[in-house]
Amino acid sequence: MSSRSTSQMNFLPIYYFFQIIPTNIMGRENMKKLGENKW
């Protein structure tokens, strides 16, 4: 159980990292595209 919980603790930050960072990058690119379209 202990080893399983530690592996989960290590997995969660990686999961959030890979889910949040790409969305932020995509969001920035989308914002740039929207800005170009607006102006």
PDB file of N, CA and C in Angstrom:
ATOM      1  N   MET A   1       0.835  -1.208   0.000  1.00  0.00           N
ATOM      2  CA  MET A   1       0.000   0.000   0.000  1.00  0.00           C
ATOM      3  C   MET A   1       0.872   1.261   0.000  1.00  0.00           C
ATOM      4  N   SER A   2       1.931   1.241   0.811  1.00  0.00           N
ATOM      5  CA  SER A   2       2.759   2.448   0.926  1.00  0.00           C
ATOM      6  C   SER A   2       3.435   2.759  -0.417  1.00  0.00           C
ATOM      7  N   SER A   3       4.000   1.726  -1.051  1.00  0.00           N
ATOM      8  CA  SER A   3       4.672   1.952  -2.336  1.00  0.00           C
ATOM      9  C   SER A   3       3.652   2.422  -3.377  1.00  0.00           C
ATOM     10  N   ARG A   4       2.440   1.900  -3.289  1.00  0.00           N
ATOM     11  CA  ARG A   4       1.410   2.290  -4.250  1.00  0.00           C
ATOM     12  C   ARG A   4       1.050   3.767  -4.077  1.00  0.00           C
ATOM     13  N   SER A   5       0.907   4.200  -2.830  1.00  0.00           N
ATOM     14  CA  SER A   5       0.546   5.595  -2.577  1.00  0.00           C
ATOM     15  C   SER A   5       1.664   6.524  -3.040  1.00  0.00           C
ATOM     16  N   THR A   6       2.912   6.125  -2.816  1.00  0.00           N
ATOM     17  CA  THR A   6       4.025   6.986  -3.241  1.00  0.00           C
ATOM     18  C   THR A   6       4.050   7.103  -4.761  1.00  0.00           C
ATOM     19  N   SER A   7       3.786   6.015  -5.459  1.00  0.00           N
ATOM     20  CA  SER A   7       3.778   6.070  -6.921  1.00  0.00           C
ATOM     21  C   SER A   7       2.650   6.989  -7.391  1.00  0.00           C
ATOM     22  N   GLN A   8       1.508   6.950  -6.708  1.00  0.00           N
ATOM     23  CA  GLN A   8       0.408   7.852  -7.059  1.00  0.00           C
ATOM     24  C   GLN A   8       0.820   9.297  -6.827  1.00  0.00           C
ATOM     25  N   MET A   9       1.470   9.569  -5.700  1.00  0.00           N
ATOM     26  CA  MET A   9       1.905  10.927  -5.384  1.00  0.00           C
ATOM     27  C   MET A   9       2.878  11.432  -6.449  1.00  0.00           C
ATOM     28  N   ASN A  10       3.737  10.554  -6.946  1.00  0.00           N
ATOM     29  CA  ASN A  10       4.679  10.958  -7.991  1.00  0.00           C
ATOM     30  C   ASN A  10       3.964  11.138  -9.329  1.00  0.00           C
ATOM     31  N   PHE A  11       2.927  10.362  -9.556  1.00  0.00           N
ATOM     32  CA  PHE A  11       2.228  10.395 -10.843  1.00  0.00           C
ATOM     33  C   PHE A  11       1.358  11.644 -10.980  1.00  0.00           C
ATOM     34  N   LEU A  12       0.675  12.033  -9.913  1.00  0.00           N
ATOM     35  CA  LEU A  12      -0.276  13.139 -10.005  1.00  0.00           C
ATOM     36  C   LEU A  12       0.369  14.441 -10.470  1.00  0.00           C
ATOM     37  N   PRO A  13       1.479  14.889  -9.869  1.00  0.00           N
ATOM     38  CA  PRO A  13       2.090  16.143 -10.338  1.00  0.00           C
ATOM     39  C   PRO A  13       2.499  16.071 -11.809  1.00  0.00           C
ATOM     40  N   ILE A  14       2.996  14.921 -12.242  1.00  0.00           N
ATOM     41  CA  ILE A  14       3.378  14.763 -13.650  1.00  0.00           C
ATOM     42  C   ILE A  14       2.135  14.874 -14.527  1.00  0.00           C
ATOM     43  N   TYR A  15       1.045  14.236 -14.096  1.00  0.00           N
ATOM     44  CA  TYR A  15      -0.204  14.280 -14.860  1.00  0.00           C
ATOM     45  C   TYR A  15      -0.696  15.715 -14.986  1.00  0.00           C
ATOM     46  N   TYR A  16      -0.715  16.433 -13.852  1.00  0.00           N
ATOM     47  CA  TYR A  16      -1.170  17.824 -13.887  1.00  0.00           C
ATOM     48  C   TYR A  16      -0.234  18.670 -14.736  1.00  0.00           C
ATOM     49  N   PHE A  17       1.084  18.418 -14.608  1.00  0.00           N
ATOM     50  CA  PHE A  17       2.069  19.181 -15.386  1.00  0.00           C
ATOM     51  C   PHE A  17       1.799  19.027 -16.876  1.00  0.00           C
ATOM     52  N   PHE A  18       1.619  17.774 -17.325  1.00  0.00           N
ATOM     53  CA  PHE A  18       1.424  17.534 -18.752  1.00  0.00           C
ATOM     54  C   PHE A  18       0.058  18.028 -19.221  1.00  0.00           C
ATOM     55  N   GLN A  19      -0.904  18.115 -18.299  1.00  0.00           N
ATOM     56  CA  GLN A  19      -2.227  18.583 -18.722  1.00  0.00           C
ATOM     57  C   GLN A  19      -2.298  20.109 -18.722  1.00  0.00           C
ATOM     58  N   ILE A  20      -1.659  20.759 -17.750  1.00  0.00           N
ATOM     59  CA  ILE A  20      -1.779  22.216 -17.614  1.00  0.00           C
ATOM     60  C   ILE A  20      -0.847  22.938 -18.582  1.00  0.00           C
ATOM     61  N   ILE A  21       0.412  22.489 -18.673  1.00  0.00           N
ATOM     62  CA  ILE A  21       1.392  23.227 -19.478  1.00  0.00           C
ATOM     63  C   ILE A  21       0.986  23.296 -20.953  1.00  0.00           C
ATOM     64  N   PRO A  22       0.631  22.192 -21.608  1.00  0.00           N
ATOM     65  CA  PRO A  22       0.239  22.282 -23.015  1.00  0.00           C
ATOM     66  C   PRO A  22      -0.978  23.179 -23.224  1.00  0.00           C
ATOM     67  N   THR A  23      -1.931  23.172 -22.313  1.00  0.00           N
ATOM     68  CA  THR A  23      -3.112  24.021 -22.462  1.00  0.00           C
ATOM     69  C   THR A  23      -2.701  25.484 -22.371  1.00  0.00           C
ATOM     70  N   ASN A  24      -1.746  25.807 -21.490  1.00  0.00           N
ATOM     71  CA  ASN A  24      -1.279  27.186 -21.382  1.00  0.00           C
ATOM     72  C   ASN A  24      -0.604  27.624 -22.677  1.00  0.00           C
ATOM     73  N   ILE A  25       0.214  26.744 -23.248  1.00  0.00           N
ATOM     74  CA  ILE A  25       0.903  27.081 -24.500  1.00  0.00           C
ATOM     75  C   ILE A  25      -0.128  27.271 -25.613  1.00  0.00           C
ATOM     76  N   MET A  26      -1.082  26.350 -25.711  1.00  0.00           N
ATOM     77  CA  MET A  26      -2.114  26.460 -26.734  1.00  0.00           C
ATOM     78  C   MET A  26      -2.936  27.723 -26.518  1.00  0.00           C
ATOM     79  N   GLY A  27      -3.247  28.034 -25.267  1.00  0.00           N
ATOM     80  CA  GLY A  27      -4.010  29.239 -24.963  1.00  0.00           C
ATOM     81  C   GLY A  27      -3.273  30.485 -25.418  1.00  0.00           C
ATOM     82  N   ARG A  28      -1.971  30.529 -25.192  1.00  0.00           N
ATOM     83  CA  ARG A  28      -1.185  31.688 -25.619  1.00  0.00           C
ATOM     84  C   ARG A  28      -1.202  31.812 -27.139  1.00  0.00           C
ATOM     85  N   GLU A  29      -1.046  30.689 -27.834  1.00  0.00           N
ATOM     86  CA  GLU A  29      -1.047  30.735 -29.300  1.00  0.00           C
ATOM     87  C   GLU A  29      -2.420  31.171 -29.807  1.00  0.00           C
ATOM     88  N   ASN A  30      -3.478  30.687 -29.154  1.00  0.00           N
ATOM     89  CA  ASN A  30      -4.829  31.076 -29.561  1.00  0.00           C
ATOM     90  C   ASN A  30      -5.048  32.562 -29.314  1.00  0.00           C
ATOM     91  N   MET A  31      -4.531  33.067 -28.189  1.00  0.00           N
ATOM     92  CA  MET A  31      -4.659  34.491 -27.890  1.00  0.00           C
ATOM     93  C   MET A  31      -3.945  35.311 -28.963  1.00  0.00           C
ATOM     94  N   LYS A  32      -2.761  34.860 -29.378  1.00  0.00           N
ATOM     95  CA  LYS A  32      -2.024  35.574 -30.431  1.00  0.00           C
ATOM     96  C   LYS A  32      -2.844  35.591 -31.718  1.00  0.00           C
ATOM     97  N   LYS A  33      -3.422  34.436 -32.080  1.00  0.00           N
ATOM     98  CA  LYS A  33      -4.215  34.354 -33.312  1.00  0.00           C
ATOM     99  C   LYS A  33      -5.433  35.274 -33.211  1.00  0.00           C
ATOM    100  N   LEU A  34      -6.096  35.271 -32.045  1.00  0.00           N
ATOM    101  CA  LEU A  34      -7.267  36.127 -31.869  1.00  0.00           C
ATOM    102  C   LEU A  34      -6.861  37.585 -31.979  1.00  0.00           C
ATOM    103  N   GLY A  35      -5.725  37.944 -31.379  1.00  0.00           N
ATOM    104  CA  GLY A  35      -5.245  39.329 -31.447  1.00  0.00           C
ATOM    105  C   GLY A  35      -4.967  39.732 -32.888  1.00  0.00           C
ATOM    106  N   GLU A  36      -4.348  38.840 -33.659  1.00  0.00           N
ATOM    107  CA  GLU A  36      -4.048  39.161 -35.054  1.00  0.00           C
ATOM    108  C   GLU A  36      -5.343  39.335 -35.840  1.00  0.00           C
ATOM    109  N   ASN A  37      -6.325  38.482 -35.558  1.00  0.00           N
ATOM    110  CA  ASN A  37      -7.594  38.587 -36.274  1.00  0.00           C
ATOM    111  C   ASN A  37      -8.326  39.872 -35.898  1.00  0.00           C
ATOM    112  N   LYS A  38      -8.249  40.247 -34.623  1.00  0.00           N
ATOM    113  CA  LYS A  38      -8.945  41.461 -34.171  1.00  0.00           C
ATOM    114  C   LYS A  38      -8.339  42.699 -34.824  1.00  0.00           C
ATOM    115  N   TRP A  39      -7.015  42.802 -34.768  1.00  0.00           N
ATOM    116  CA  TRP A  39      -6.378  44.025 -35.269  1.00  0.00           C
ATOM    117  C   TRP A  39      -5.994  43.837 -36.729  1.00  0.00           C
TER     118      TRP A  39
END
